[in-house]
């Protein structure tokens, strides 16, 4: 005999398991998570939608206490993971590499999606090389925007430390300066690119979602605390599975995902949320090799003098691909 509450809970779990796309027997065959609490860094970035879409899926995986801990969308988010103030986060690959270079005990578990950044420039600037001596806004040094553009500059023979004049104003202030013609470029992050497009401010110099080589590597990657993964491998795998299945929901149901973000207060503009989610290839998590992304950025960041740790060490110690490799098979991705 079971109570009505137990029956409803059982039915909810069965429904969630169906949504996850794998047999409930798989969940039953696995041991339960070593901890029923999971803390995820909450960032203002819309492109991290799968983290929030995954909330009910995380509960179906056995996490009864799902917490979203406020972050700032910058390098401090990695510090939260390193200090054990949160268990999982998403962030730009280059930021994770900076944290690893600083000796922070984090580990990258999987890629979330490629793309999302768009570099806008004034009409007279037609290539990355034309940015030599120009002012480009990146909100702050060591931000994902700054790291990515520095790597782009290095890729075409510029010295990012000398050839670009970095502007570190907040995003909205930078947009105003760019629109007024007071600076030459702005590295945008969702949903800022939608605002710039709508106002027809400047033009897109580089779209990392569609242009090589940037579109061939993950932009945002999922990371955890190294000790959390060591102590809770089942929990780490279950949490990652929920997030990667949320990736698939974002791909197949962007309207639903966008509405959820607005309903839960992660963003205000549902049209911007839906459009951003539609444009990002979340389904690439099972096509791309996450280790290749660490290698690509670590090599270039080392060449640019942004990190001191050898790329080989970053690559060897910075990633744990056990779970994502298992999930690619289990989810028949």
C-alpha atoms as a PDB file:
ATOM      1  CA  UNK A   1       0.000   0.000   0.000  1.00  0.00           C
ATOM      2  CA  UNK A   2       1.247   3.507  -0.810  1.00  0.00           C
ATOM      3  CA  UNK A   3      -0.146   6.896   0.125  1.00  0.00           C
ATOM      4  CA  UNK A   4      -1.675   9.265  -2.405  1.00  0.00           C
ATOM      5  CA  UNK A   5       1.347  11.595  -2.019  1.00  0.00           C
ATOM      6  CA  UNK A   6       3.748   8.737  -2.730  1.00  0.00           C
ATOM      7  CA  UNK A   7       1.685   7.738  -5.762  1.00  0.00           C
ATOM      8  CA  UNK A   8       1.718  11.272  -7.191  1.00  0.00           C
ATOM      9  CA  UNK A   9       5.448  11.550  -6.567  1.00  0.00           C
ATOM     10  CA  UNK A  10       5.971   8.205  -8.301  1.00  0.00           C
ATOM     11  CA  UNK A  11       3.948   9.365 -11.304  1.00  0.00           C
ATOM     12  CA  UNK A  12       5.871  12.661 -11.485  1.00  0.00           C
ATOM     13  CA  UNK A  13       9.181  10.821 -11.515  1.00  0.00           C
ATOM     14  CA  UNK A  14       7.943   8.505 -14.251  1.00  0.00           C
ATOM     15  CA  UNK A  15       6.872  11.495 -16.340  1.00  0.00           C
ATOM     16  CA  UNK A  16      10.207  13.224 -15.823  1.00  0.00           C
ATOM     17  CA  UNK A  17      12.076  10.060 -16.755  1.00  0.00           C
ATOM     18  CA  UNK A  18      10.070   9.898 -19.968  1.00  0.00           C
ATOM     19  CA  UNK A  19      10.961  13.521 -20.730  1.00  0.00           C
ATOM     20  CA  UNK A  20      14.610  12.729 -20.095  1.00  0.00           C
ATOM     21  CA  UNK A  21      14.468  10.269 -22.956  1.00  0.00           C
ATOM     22  CA  UNK A  22      15.665   7.103 -21.271  1.00  0.00           C
ATOM     23  CA  UNK A  23      13.955   4.171 -19.582  1.00  0.00           C
ATOM     24  CA  UNK A  24      13.058   4.515 -15.931  1.00  0.00           C
ATOM     25  CA  UNK A  25      14.779   1.184 -15.389  1.00  0.00           C
ATOM     26  CA  UNK A  26      18.075   2.973 -16.043  1.00  0.00           C
ATOM     27  CA  UNK A  27      17.466   5.303 -13.113  1.00  0.00           C
ATOM     28  CA  UNK A  28      16.435   2.401 -10.915  1.00  0.00           C
ATOM     29  CA  UNK A  29      19.539   0.410 -11.860  1.00  0.00           C
ATOM     30  CA  UNK A  30      21.875   3.197 -10.786  1.00  0.00           C
ATOM     31  CA  UNK A  31      22.716   3.884  -7.160  1.00  0.00           C
ATOM     32  CA  UNK A  32      21.072   7.028  -5.746  1.00  0.00           C
ATOM     33  CA  UNK A  33      23.112  10.234  -5.632  1.00  0.00           C
ATOM     34  CA  UNK A  34      25.493  10.416  -2.683  1.00  0.00           C
ATOM     35  CA  UNK A  35      23.934  13.774  -1.806  1.00  0.00           C
ATOM     36  CA  UNK A  36      20.398  14.975  -2.444  1.00  0.00           C
ATOM     37  CA  UNK A  37      21.463  18.637  -2.506  1.00  0.00           C
ATOM     38  CA  UNK A  38      22.751  20.288  -5.667  1.00  0.00           C
ATOM     39  CA  UNK A  39      23.759  23.964  -5.831  1.00  0.00           C
ATOM     40  CA  UNK A  40      24.019  25.616  -9.243  1.00  0.00           C
ATOM     41  CA  UNK A  41      25.449  29.054  -9.929  1.00  0.00           C
ATOM     42  CA  UNK A  42      22.721  31.368 -11.167  1.00  0.00           C
ATOM     43  CA  UNK A  43      23.999  33.786 -13.796  1.00  0.00           C
ATOM     44  CA  UNK A  44      22.126  36.511 -15.706  1.00  0.00           C
ATOM     45  CA  UNK A  45      23.191  34.909 -19.018  1.00  0.00           C
ATOM     46  CA  UNK A  46      20.238  33.686 -21.112  1.00  0.00           C
ATOM     47  CA  UNK A  47      22.469  31.210 -22.951  1.00  0.00           C
ATOM     48  CA  UNK A  48      22.711  29.182 -19.712  1.00  0.00           C
ATOM     49  CA  UNK A  49      19.015  28.299 -20.120  1.00  0.00           C
ATOM     50  CA  UNK A  50      19.561  24.516 -19.742  1.00  0.00           C
ATOM     51  CA  UNK A  51      20.707  25.036 -16.137  1.00  0.00           C
ATOM     52  CA  UNK A  52      17.264  26.393 -15.269  1.00  0.00           C
ATOM     53  CA  UNK A  53      15.198  24.188 -17.567  1.00  0.00           C
ATOM     54  CA  UNK A  54      16.853  21.252 -15.767  1.00  0.00           C
ATOM     55  CA  UNK A  55      15.313  22.001 -12.354  1.00  0.00           C
ATOM     56  CA  UNK A  56      12.513  19.407 -12.525  1.00  0.00           C
ATOM     57  CA  UNK A  57      14.816  16.926 -14.246  1.00  0.00           C
ATOM     58  CA  UNK A  58      17.277  17.282 -11.379  1.00  0.00           C
ATOM     59  CA  UNK A  59      14.504  16.397  -8.946  1.00  0.00           C
ATOM     60  CA  UNK A  60      13.694  13.325 -11.034  1.00  0.00           C
ATOM     61  CA  UNK A  61      17.356  12.344 -10.703  1.00  0.00           C
ATOM     62  CA  UNK A  62      16.998  12.224  -6.917  1.00  0.00           C
ATOM     63  CA  UNK A  63      17.966  15.745  -5.872  1.00  0.00           C
ATOM     64  CA  UNK A  64      15.356  16.844  -3.361  1.00  0.00           C
ATOM     65  CA  UNK A  65      17.133  20.129  -2.577  1.00  0.00           C
ATOM     66  CA  UNK A  66      17.866  22.043  -5.805  1.00  0.00           C
ATOM     67  CA  UNK A  67      19.395  25.468  -5.117  1.00  0.00           C
ATOM     68  CA  UNK A  68      20.372  28.262  -7.483  1.00  0.00           C
ATOM     69  CA  UNK A  69      23.112  30.392  -5.939  1.00  0.00           C
ATOM     70  CA  UNK A  70      23.443  33.933  -7.288  1.00  0.00           C
ATOM     71  CA  UNK A  71      26.592  34.625  -9.303  1.00  0.00           C
ATOM     72  CA  UNK A  72      27.767  37.585 -11.357  1.00  0.00           C
ATOM     73  CA  UNK A  73      28.438  35.915 -14.701  1.00  0.00           C
ATOM     74  CA  UNK A  74      32.179  36.582 -14.380  1.00  0.00           C
ATOM     75  CA  UNK A  75      35.310  34.940 -13.012  1.00  0.00           C
ATOM     76  CA  UNK A  76      33.823  35.081  -9.498  1.00  0.00           C
ATOM     77  CA  UNK A  77      31.482  32.260 -10.526  1.00  0.00           C
ATOM     78  CA  UNK A  78      34.487  29.957 -10.943  1.00  0.00           C
ATOM     79  CA  UNK A  79      35.730  31.123  -7.535  1.00  0.00           C
ATOM     80  CA  UNK A  80      32.391  30.099  -6.003  1.00  0.00           C
ATOM     81  CA  UNK A  81      32.858  26.613  -7.427  1.00  0.00           C
ATOM     82  CA  UNK A  82      36.492  26.506  -6.289  1.00  0.00           C
ATOM     83  CA  UNK A  83      35.570  27.460  -2.711  1.00  0.00           C
ATOM     84  CA  UNK A  84      32.753  24.920  -2.559  1.00  0.00           C
ATOM     85  CA  UNK A  85      30.011  27.554  -2.349  1.00  0.00           C
ATOM     86  CA  UNK A  86      28.299  25.902  -5.344  1.00  0.00           C
ATOM     87  CA  UNK A  87      28.537  22.522  -7.065  1.00  0.00           C
ATOM     88  CA  UNK A  88      27.932  23.204 -10.766  1.00  0.00           C
ATOM     89  CA  UNK A  89      28.150  26.135 -13.136  1.00  0.00           C
ATOM     90  CA  UNK A  90      28.322  27.056 -16.802  1.00  0.00           C
ATOM     91  CA  UNK A  91      30.826  29.540 -18.167  1.00  0.00           C
ATOM     92  CA  UNK A  92      33.066  30.444 -21.079  1.00  0.00           C
ATOM     93  CA  UNK A  93      35.852  27.912 -21.647  1.00  0.00           C
ATOM     94  CA  UNK A  94      38.543  30.582 -21.399  1.00  0.00           C
ATOM     95  CA  UNK A  95      37.345  31.625 -17.945  1.00  0.00           C
ATOM     96  CA  UNK A  96      37.602  28.041 -16.717  1.00  0.00           C
ATOM     97  CA  UNK A  97      41.141  27.925 -18.082  1.00  0.00           C
ATOM     98  CA  UNK A  98      42.044  31.111 -16.184  1.00  0.00           C
ATOM     99  CA  UNK A  99      40.719  29.523 -12.995  1.00  0.00           C
ATOM    100  CA  UNK A 100      42.710  26.350 -13.627  1.00  0.00           C
ATOM    101  CA  UNK A 101      45.812  28.435 -14.289  1.00  0.00           C
ATOM    102  CA  UNK A 102      45.292  30.106 -10.898  1.00  0.00           C
ATOM    103  CA  UNK A 103      45.263  26.682  -9.261  1.00  0.00           C
ATOM    104  CA  UNK A 104      41.541  26.663  -8.462  1.00  0.00           C
ATOM    105  CA  UNK A 105      40.222  23.125  -7.830  1.00  0.00           C
ATOM    106  CA  UNK A 106      37.650  23.048 -10.582  1.00  0.00           C
ATOM    107  CA  UNK A 107      37.092  20.466 -13.297  1.00  0.00           C
ATOM    108  CA  UNK A 108      35.273  20.818 -16.629  1.00  0.00           C
ATOM    109  CA  UNK A 109      32.724  18.045 -17.232  1.00  0.00           C
ATOM    110  CA  UNK A 110      31.152  18.774 -20.631  1.00  0.00           C
ATOM    111  CA  UNK A 111      30.414  21.380 -23.240  1.00  0.00           C
ATOM    112  CA  UNK A 112      27.052  23.136 -23.182  1.00  0.00           C
ATOM    113  CA  UNK A 113      26.994  24.913 -26.556  1.00  0.00           C
ATOM    114  CA  UNK A 114      29.198  26.703 -29.111  1.00  0.00           C
ATOM    115  CA  UNK A 115      28.607  30.298 -30.122  1.00  0.00           C
ATOM    116  CA  UNK A 116      26.715  33.090 -28.317  1.00  0.00           C
ATOM    117  CA  UNK A 117      29.238  35.973 -28.582  1.00  0.00           C
ATOM    118  CA  UNK A 118      28.919  38.500 -31.428  1.00  0.00           C
ATOM    119  CA  UNK A 119      31.538  41.166 -32.099  1.00  0.00           C
ATOM    120  CA  UNK A 120      30.037  44.453 -33.357  1.00  0.00           C
ATOM    121  CA  UNK A 121      32.109  47.167 -35.018  1.00  0.00           C
ATOM    122  CA  UNK A 122      31.629  50.488 -36.768  1.00  0.00           C
ATOM    123  CA  UNK A 123      31.034  50.379 -40.516  1.00  0.00           C
ATOM    124  CA  UNK A 124      34.594  51.322 -41.498  1.00  0.00           C
ATOM    125  CA  UNK A 125      36.029  48.321 -39.652  1.00  0.00           C
ATOM    126  CA  UNK A 126      35.788  45.272 -41.908  1.00  0.00           C
ATOM    127  CA  UNK A 127      38.125  42.750 -40.256  1.00  0.00           C
ATOM    128  CA  UNK A 128      39.717  41.870 -36.928  1.00  0.00           C
ATOM    129  CA  UNK A 129      42.998  43.344 -38.188  1.00  0.00           C
ATOM    130  CA  UNK A 130      41.257  46.698 -38.584  1.00  0.00           C
ATOM    131  CA  UNK A 131      40.867  46.802 -34.786  1.00  0.00           C
ATOM    132  CA  UNK A 132      44.557  47.649 -34.373  1.00  0.00           C
ATOM    133  CA  UNK A 133      44.744  50.844 -32.326  1.00  0.00           C
ATOM    134  CA  UNK A 134      40.961  50.905 -31.867  1.00  0.00           C
ATOM    135  CA  UNK A 135      38.816  51.002 -28.721  1.00  0.00           C
ATOM    136  CA  UNK A 136      36.752  47.878 -28.072  1.00  0.00           C
ATOM    137  CA  UNK A 137      34.475  47.313 -25.061  1.00  0.00           C
ATOM    138  CA  UNK A 138      34.672  44.008 -23.162  1.00  0.00           C
ATOM    139  CA  UNK A 139      33.156  45.050 -19.763  1.00  0.00           C
ATOM    140  CA  UNK A 140      36.255  43.937 -17.819  1.00  0.00           C
ATOM    141  CA  UNK A 141      39.635  42.368 -18.347  1.00  0.00           C
ATOM    142  CA  UNK A 142      39.587  38.567 -17.796  1.00  0.00           C
ATOM    143  CA  UNK A 143      35.894  38.497 -18.790  1.00  0.00           C
ATOM    144  CA  UNK A 144      34.850  35.955 -21.385  1.00  0.00           C
ATOM    145  CA  UNK A 145      34.460  38.819 -23.851  1.00  0.00           C
ATOM    146  CA  UNK A 146      38.041  39.973 -23.286  1.00  0.00           C
ATOM    147  CA  UNK A 147      39.556  36.484 -23.426  1.00  0.00           C
ATOM    148  CA  UNK A 148      37.731  35.603 -26.635  1.00  0.00           C
ATOM    149  CA  UNK A 149      38.613  38.820 -28.466  1.00  0.00           C
ATOM    150  CA  UNK A 150      42.238  38.559 -27.316  1.00  0.00           C
ATOM    151  CA  UNK A 151      42.389  35.077 -28.841  1.00  0.00           C
ATOM    152  CA  UNK A 152      40.732  36.361 -32.018  1.00  0.00           C
ATOM    153  CA  UNK A 153      43.292  39.160 -32.292  1.00  0.00           C
ATOM    154  CA  UNK A 154      46.180  36.749 -31.758  1.00  0.00           C
ATOM    155  CA  UNK A 155      44.697  34.483 -34.423  1.00  0.00           C
ATOM    156  CA  UNK A 156      45.206  37.179 -37.089  1.00  0.00           C
ATOM    157  CA  UNK A 157      48.629  38.319 -35.943  1.00  0.00           C
ATOM    158  CA  UNK A 158      47.748  41.163 -33.559  1.00  0.00           C
ATOM    159  CA  UNK A 159      49.200  41.505 -30.074  1.00  0.00           C
ATOM    160  CA  UNK A 160      46.132  41.844 -27.820  1.00  0.00           C
ATOM    161  CA  UNK A 161      48.216  43.454 -25.076  1.00  0.00           C
ATOM    162  CA  UNK A 162      49.411  46.308 -27.295  1.00  0.00           C
ATOM    163  CA  UNK A 163      47.276  46.562 -30.406  1.00  0.00           C
ATOM    164  CA  UNK A 164      43.784  46.968 -28.901  1.00  0.00           C
ATOM    165  CA  UNK A 165      42.638  49.686 -26.517  1.00  0.00           C
ATOM    166  CA  UNK A 166      40.366  47.879 -24.078  1.00  0.00           C
ATOM    167  CA  UNK A 167      37.268  49.635 -22.706  1.00  0.00           C
ATOM    168  CA  UNK A 168      36.003  48.189 -19.419  1.00  0.00           C
ATOM    169  CA  UNK A 169      32.720  49.991 -18.838  1.00  0.00           C
ATOM    170  CA  UNK A 170      29.579  47.998 -17.870  1.00  0.00           C
ATOM    171  CA  UNK A 171      27.695  46.463 -20.799  1.00  0.00           C
ATOM    172  CA  UNK A 172      24.868  49.000 -21.022  1.00  0.00           C
ATOM    173  CA  UNK A 173      27.275  51.936 -20.782  1.00  0.00           C
ATOM    174  CA  UNK A 174      29.447  50.336 -23.475  1.00  0.00           C
ATOM    175  CA  UNK A 175      26.433  49.948 -25.763  1.00  0.00           C
ATOM    176  CA  UNK A 176      25.659  53.651 -25.317  1.00  0.00           C
ATOM    177  CA  UNK A 177      29.247  54.620 -26.110  1.00  0.00           C
ATOM    178  CA  UNK A 178      29.241  52.378 -29.183  1.00  0.00           C
ATOM    179  CA  UNK A 179      25.900  53.718 -30.417  1.00  0.00           C
ATOM    180  CA  UNK A 180      27.210  57.276 -29.978  1.00  0.00           C
ATOM    181  CA  UNK A 181      30.309  56.494 -32.048  1.00  0.00           C
ATOM    182  CA  UNK A 182      32.661  57.095 -29.124  1.00  0.00           C
ATOM    183  CA  UNK A 183      34.233  53.631 -29.318  1.00  0.00           C
ATOM    184  CA  UNK A 184      34.929  51.367 -32.274  1.00  0.00           C
ATOM    185  CA  UNK A 185      33.674  47.962 -31.206  1.00  0.00           C
ATOM    186  CA  UNK A 186      31.692  46.006 -28.642  1.00  0.00           C
ATOM    187  CA  UNK A 187      31.848  42.294 -27.827  1.00  0.00           C
ATOM    188  CA  UNK A 188      28.206  41.439 -27.176  1.00  0.00           C
ATOM    189  CA  UNK A 189      26.668  38.658 -25.152  1.00  0.00           C
ATOM    190  CA  UNK A 190      23.026  37.483 -25.293  1.00  0.00           C
ATOM    191  CA  UNK A 191      20.650  39.270 -25.435  1.00  0.00           C
ATOM    192  CA  UNK A 192      22.688  42.434 -26.166  1.00  0.00           C
ATOM    193  CA  UNK A 193      23.182  41.456 -29.805  1.00  0.00           C
ATOM    194  CA  UNK A 194      19.413  41.493 -30.330  1.00  0.00           C
ATOM    195  CA  UNK A 195      19.209  45.072 -29.066  1.00  0.00           C
ATOM    196  CA  UNK A 196      22.050  46.172 -31.330  1.00  0.00           C
ATOM    197  CA  UNK A 197      20.544  44.450 -34.348  1.00  0.00           C
ATOM    198  CA  UNK A 198      17.139  45.986 -33.705  1.00  0.00           C
ATOM    199  CA  UNK A 199      18.627  49.488 -33.428  1.00  0.00           C
ATOM    200  CA  UNK A 200      20.896  48.844 -36.449  1.00  0.00           C
ATOM    201  CA  UNK A 201      23.963  49.955 -34.522  1.00  0.00           C
ATOM    202  CA  UNK A 202      27.196  49.073 -36.333  1.00  0.00           C
ATOM    203  CA  UNK A 203      27.508  45.671 -37.976  1.00  0.00           C
ATOM    204  CA  UNK A 204      28.427  42.156 -36.902  1.00  0.00           C
ATOM    205  CA  UNK A 205      32.128  41.632 -37.510  1.00  0.00           C
ATOM    206  CA  UNK A 206      32.214  38.091 -36.094  1.00  0.00           C
ATOM    207  CA  UNK A 207      29.348  35.785 -35.132  1.00  0.00           C
ATOM    208  CA  UNK A 208      30.870  32.956 -33.101  1.00  0.00           C
ATOM    209  CA  UNK A 209      27.774  30.791 -33.541  1.00  0.00           C
ATOM    210  CA  UNK A 210      28.210  30.531 -37.298  1.00  0.00           C
ATOM    211  CA  UNK A 211      31.807  31.482 -38.205  1.00  0.00           C
ATOM    212  CA  UNK A 212      34.851  29.222 -38.124  1.00  0.00           C
ATOM    213  CA  UNK A 213      36.905  28.426 -36.187  1.00  0.00           C
ATOM    214  CA  UNK A 214      34.833  29.724 -33.248  1.00  0.00           C
ATOM    215  CA  UNK A 215      31.678  27.834 -34.187  1.00  0.00           C
ATOM    216  CA  UNK A 216      33.627  24.545 -34.131  1.00  0.00           C
ATOM    217  CA  UNK A 217      34.380  24.697 -30.408  1.00  0.00           C
ATOM    218  CA  UNK A 218      32.296  25.013 -27.292  1.00  0.00           C
ATOM    219  CA  UNK A 219      31.817  28.494 -25.934  1.00  0.00           C
ATOM    220  CA  UNK A 220      30.170  27.699 -22.606  1.00  0.00           C
ATOM    221  CA  UNK A 221      31.145  24.588 -20.667  1.00  0.00           C
ATOM    222  CA  UNK A 222      29.843  22.916 -17.508  1.00  0.00           C
ATOM    223  CA  UNK A 223      32.264  22.809 -14.576  1.00  0.00           C
ATOM    224  CA  UNK A 224      32.235  21.522 -11.009  1.00  0.00           C
ATOM    225  CA  UNK A 225      34.301  21.479  -7.859  1.00  0.00           C
ATOM    226  CA  UNK A 226      36.966  18.775  -8.103  1.00  0.00           C
ATOM    227  CA  UNK A 227      36.340  17.464  -4.582  1.00  0.00           C
ATOM    228  CA  UNK A 228      32.572  17.368  -5.168  1.00  0.00           C
ATOM    229  CA  UNK A 229      33.083  15.135  -8.196  1.00  0.00           C
ATOM    230  CA  UNK A 230      35.535  12.909  -6.319  1.00  0.00           C
ATOM    231  CA  UNK A 231      33.174  12.402  -3.376  1.00  0.00           C
ATOM    232  CA  UNK A 232      29.919  12.339  -5.351  1.00  0.00           C
ATOM    233  CA  UNK A 233      30.500  10.727  -8.758  1.00  0.00           C
ATOM    234  CA  UNK A 234      26.934   9.395  -9.036  1.00  0.00           C
ATOM    235  CA  UNK A 235      25.490  12.789  -8.138  1.00  0.00           C
ATOM    236  CA  UNK A 236      27.805  14.498 -10.637  1.00  0.00           C
ATOM    237  CA  UNK A 237      26.724  12.178 -13.427  1.00  0.00           C
ATOM    238  CA  UNK A 238      23.023  12.466 -12.591  1.00  0.00           C
ATOM    239  CA  UNK A 239      23.197  16.261 -12.438  1.00  0.00           C
ATOM    240  CA  UNK A 240      25.053  16.406 -15.741  1.00  0.00           C
ATOM    241  CA  UNK A 241      22.492  14.105 -17.346  1.00  0.00           C
ATOM    242  CA  UNK A 242      19.645  16.394 -16.306  1.00  0.00           C
ATOM    243  CA  UNK A 243      21.406  19.460 -17.717  1.00  0.00           C
ATOM    244  CA  UNK A 244      22.290  17.806 -21.026  1.00  0.00           C
ATOM    245  CA  UNK A 245      18.723  16.595 -21.472  1.00  0.00           C
ATOM    246  CA  UNK A 246      17.635  20.169 -20.770  1.00  0.00           C
ATOM    247  CA  UNK A 247      19.926  21.078 -23.681  1.00  0.00           C
ATOM    248  CA  UNK A 248      17.756  18.875 -25.878  1.00  0.00           C
ATOM    249  CA  UNK A 249      14.582  20.524 -24.586  1.00  0.00           C
ATOM    250  CA  UNK A 250      16.013  23.946 -25.458  1.00  0.00           C
ATOM    251  CA  UNK A 251      16.705  22.671 -28.974  1.00  0.00           C
ATOM    252  CA  UNK A 252      13.296  21.099 -29.532  1.00  0.00           C
ATOM    253  CA  UNK A 253      11.100  23.461 -27.481  1.00  0.00           C
ATOM    254  CA  UNK A 254      12.661  26.953 -27.409  1.00  0.00           C
ATOM    255  CA  UNK A 255       9.296  28.606 -26.735  1.00  0.00           C
ATOM    256  CA  UNK A 256       8.787  26.488 -23.653  1.00  0.00           C
ATOM    257  CA  UNK A 257      12.329  27.111 -22.438  1.00  0.00           C
ATOM    258  CA  UNK A 258      12.109  30.862 -23.015  1.00  0.00           C
ATOM    259  CA  UNK A 259       8.800  31.149 -21.188  1.00  0.00           C
ATOM    260  CA  UNK A 260      10.221  29.198 -18.256  1.00  0.00           C
ATOM    261  CA  UNK A 261      13.127  31.649 -17.956  1.00  0.00           C
ATOM    262  CA  UNK A 262      10.703  34.569 -17.799  1.00  0.00           C
ATOM    263  CA  UNK A 263       8.263  32.834 -15.441  1.00  0.00           C
ATOM    264  CA  UNK A 264      11.081  32.078 -12.986  1.00  0.00           C
ATOM    265  CA  UNK A 265      12.507  35.573 -13.168  1.00  0.00           C
ATOM    266  CA  UNK A 266      15.796  34.825 -14.951  1.00  0.00           C
ATOM    267  CA  UNK A 267      15.026  37.417 -17.636  1.00  0.00           C
ATOM    268  CA  UNK A 268      12.164  39.767 -18.501  1.00  0.00           C
ATOM    269  CA  UNK A 269      11.830  39.728 -22.287  1.00  0.00           C
ATOM    270  CA  UNK A 270      10.367  36.447 -23.502  1.00  0.00           C
ATOM    271  CA  UNK A 271      10.997  37.292 -27.186  1.00  0.00           C
ATOM    272  CA  UNK A 272      14.694  37.868 -26.520  1.00  0.00           C
ATOM    273  CA  UNK A 273      14.884  34.680 -24.486  1.00  0.00           C
ATOM    274  CA  UNK A 274      13.217  32.551 -27.155  1.00  0.00           C
ATOM    275  CA  UNK A 275      15.257  34.084 -29.996  1.00  0.00           C
ATOM    276  CA  UNK A 276      18.529  33.558 -28.124  1.00  0.00           C
ATOM    277  CA  UNK A 277      17.676  29.937 -27.369  1.00  0.00           C
ATOM    278  CA  UNK A 278      16.628  29.318 -30.979  1.00  0.00           C
ATOM    279  CA  UNK A 279      19.931  30.627 -32.320  1.00  0.00           C
ATOM    280  CA  UNK A 280      22.206  28.533 -30.120  1.00  0.00           C
ATOM    281  CA  UNK A 281      23.057  24.938 -31.171  1.00  0.00           C
ATOM    282  CA  UNK A 282      22.529  23.245 -27.816  1.00  0.00           C
ATOM    283  CA  UNK A 283      22.369  19.843 -29.493  1.00  0.00           C
ATOM    284  CA  UNK A 284      26.085  20.028 -30.332  1.00  0.00           C
ATOM    285  CA  UNK A 285      26.976  18.778 -26.847  1.00  0.00           C
ATOM    286  CA  UNK A 286      27.083  15.242 -28.234  1.00  0.00           C
ATOM    287  CA  UNK A 287      28.860  16.114 -31.506  1.00  0.00           C
ATOM    288  CA  UNK A 288      31.842  18.135 -30.323  1.00  0.00           C
ATOM    289  CA  UNK A 289      34.795  16.947 -28.261  1.00  0.00           C
ATOM    290  CA  UNK A 290      35.021  19.010 -25.070  1.00  0.00           C
ATOM    291  CA  UNK A 291      38.719  18.196 -24.693  1.00  0.00           C
ATOM    292  CA  UNK A 292      39.359  19.826 -28.089  1.00  0.00           C
ATOM    293  CA  UNK A 293      37.890  23.072 -26.785  1.00  0.00           C
ATOM    294  CA  UNK A 294      40.196  23.142 -23.761  1.00  0.00           C
ATOM    295  CA  UNK A 295      43.130  22.390 -26.050  1.00  0.00           C
ATOM    296  CA  UNK A 296      42.189  25.083 -28.581  1.00  0.00           C
ATOM    297  CA  UNK A 297      41.842  27.883 -26.034  1.00  0.00           C
ATOM    298  CA  UNK A 298      44.638  26.807 -23.667  1.00  0.00           C
ATOM    299  CA  UNK A 299      47.192  26.795 -26.487  1.00  0.00           C
ATOM    300  CA  UNK A 300      46.189  30.250 -27.686  1.00  0.00           C
ATOM    301  CA  UNK A 301      45.860  31.783 -24.240  1.00  0.00           C
ATOM    302  CA  UNK A 302      49.335  30.498 -23.372  1.00  0.00           C
ATOM    303  CA  UNK A 303      50.729  31.969 -26.585  1.00  0.00           C
ATOM    304  CA  UNK A 304      49.079  35.306 -25.737  1.00  0.00           C
ATOM    305  CA  UNK A 305      50.666  35.292 -22.282  1.00  0.00           C
ATOM    306  CA  UNK A 306      47.281  35.059 -20.564  1.00  0.00           C
ATOM    307  CA  UNK A 307      48.180  31.881 -18.651  1.00  0.00           C
ATOM    308  CA  UNK A 308      51.469  30.552 -17.284  1.00  0.00           C
ATOM    309  CA  UNK A 309      50.468  26.911 -16.832  1.00  0.00           C
ATOM    310  CA  UNK A 310      51.419  24.736 -19.790  1.00  0.00           C
ATOM    311  CA  UNK A 311      48.515  23.869 -22.092  1.00  0.00           C
ATOM    312  CA  UNK A 312      49.427  20.195 -21.628  1.00  0.00           C
ATOM    313  CA  UNK A 313      48.822  20.461 -17.884  1.00  0.00           C
ATOM    314  CA  UNK A 314      45.565  22.356 -18.356  1.00  0.00           C
ATOM    315  CA  UNK A 315      44.343  19.704 -20.775  1.00  0.00           C
ATOM    316  CA  UNK A 316      45.476  16.774 -18.590  1.00  0.00           C
ATOM    317  CA  UNK A 317      44.112  18.082 -15.281  1.00  0.00           C
ATOM    318  CA  UNK A 318      41.328  20.436 -16.303  1.00  0.00           C
ATOM    319  CA  UNK A 319      38.751  18.004 -17.647  1.00  0.00           C
ATOM    320  CA  UNK A 320      36.909  14.879 -16.506  1.00  0.00           C
ATOM    321  CA  UNK A 321      35.087  13.399 -19.491  1.00  0.00           C
ATOM    322  CA  UNK A 322      33.931  10.102 -17.915  1.00  0.00           C
ATOM    323  CA  UNK A 323      30.346  11.160 -17.424  1.00  0.00           C
ATOM    324  CA  UNK A 324      29.713  12.927 -20.719  1.00  0.00           C
ATOM    325  CA  UNK A 325      31.202   9.983 -22.634  1.00  0.00           C
ATOM    326  CA  UNK A 326      28.897   7.598 -20.777  1.00  0.00           C
ATOM    327  CA  UNK A 327      25.894   9.841 -21.334  1.00  0.00           C
ATOM    328  CA  UNK A 328      26.517  10.078 -25.072  1.00  0.00           C
ATOM    329  CA  UNK A 329      25.993   6.303 -25.178  1.00  0.00           C
ATOM    330  CA  UNK A 330      23.180   6.089 -22.647  1.00  0.00           C
ATOM    331  CA  UNK A 331      21.135   8.874 -24.199  1.00  0.00           C
ATOM    332  CA  UNK A 332      21.860   7.556 -27.687  1.00  0.00           C
ATOM    333  CA  UNK A 333      23.024  10.999 -28.697  1.00  0.00           C
END
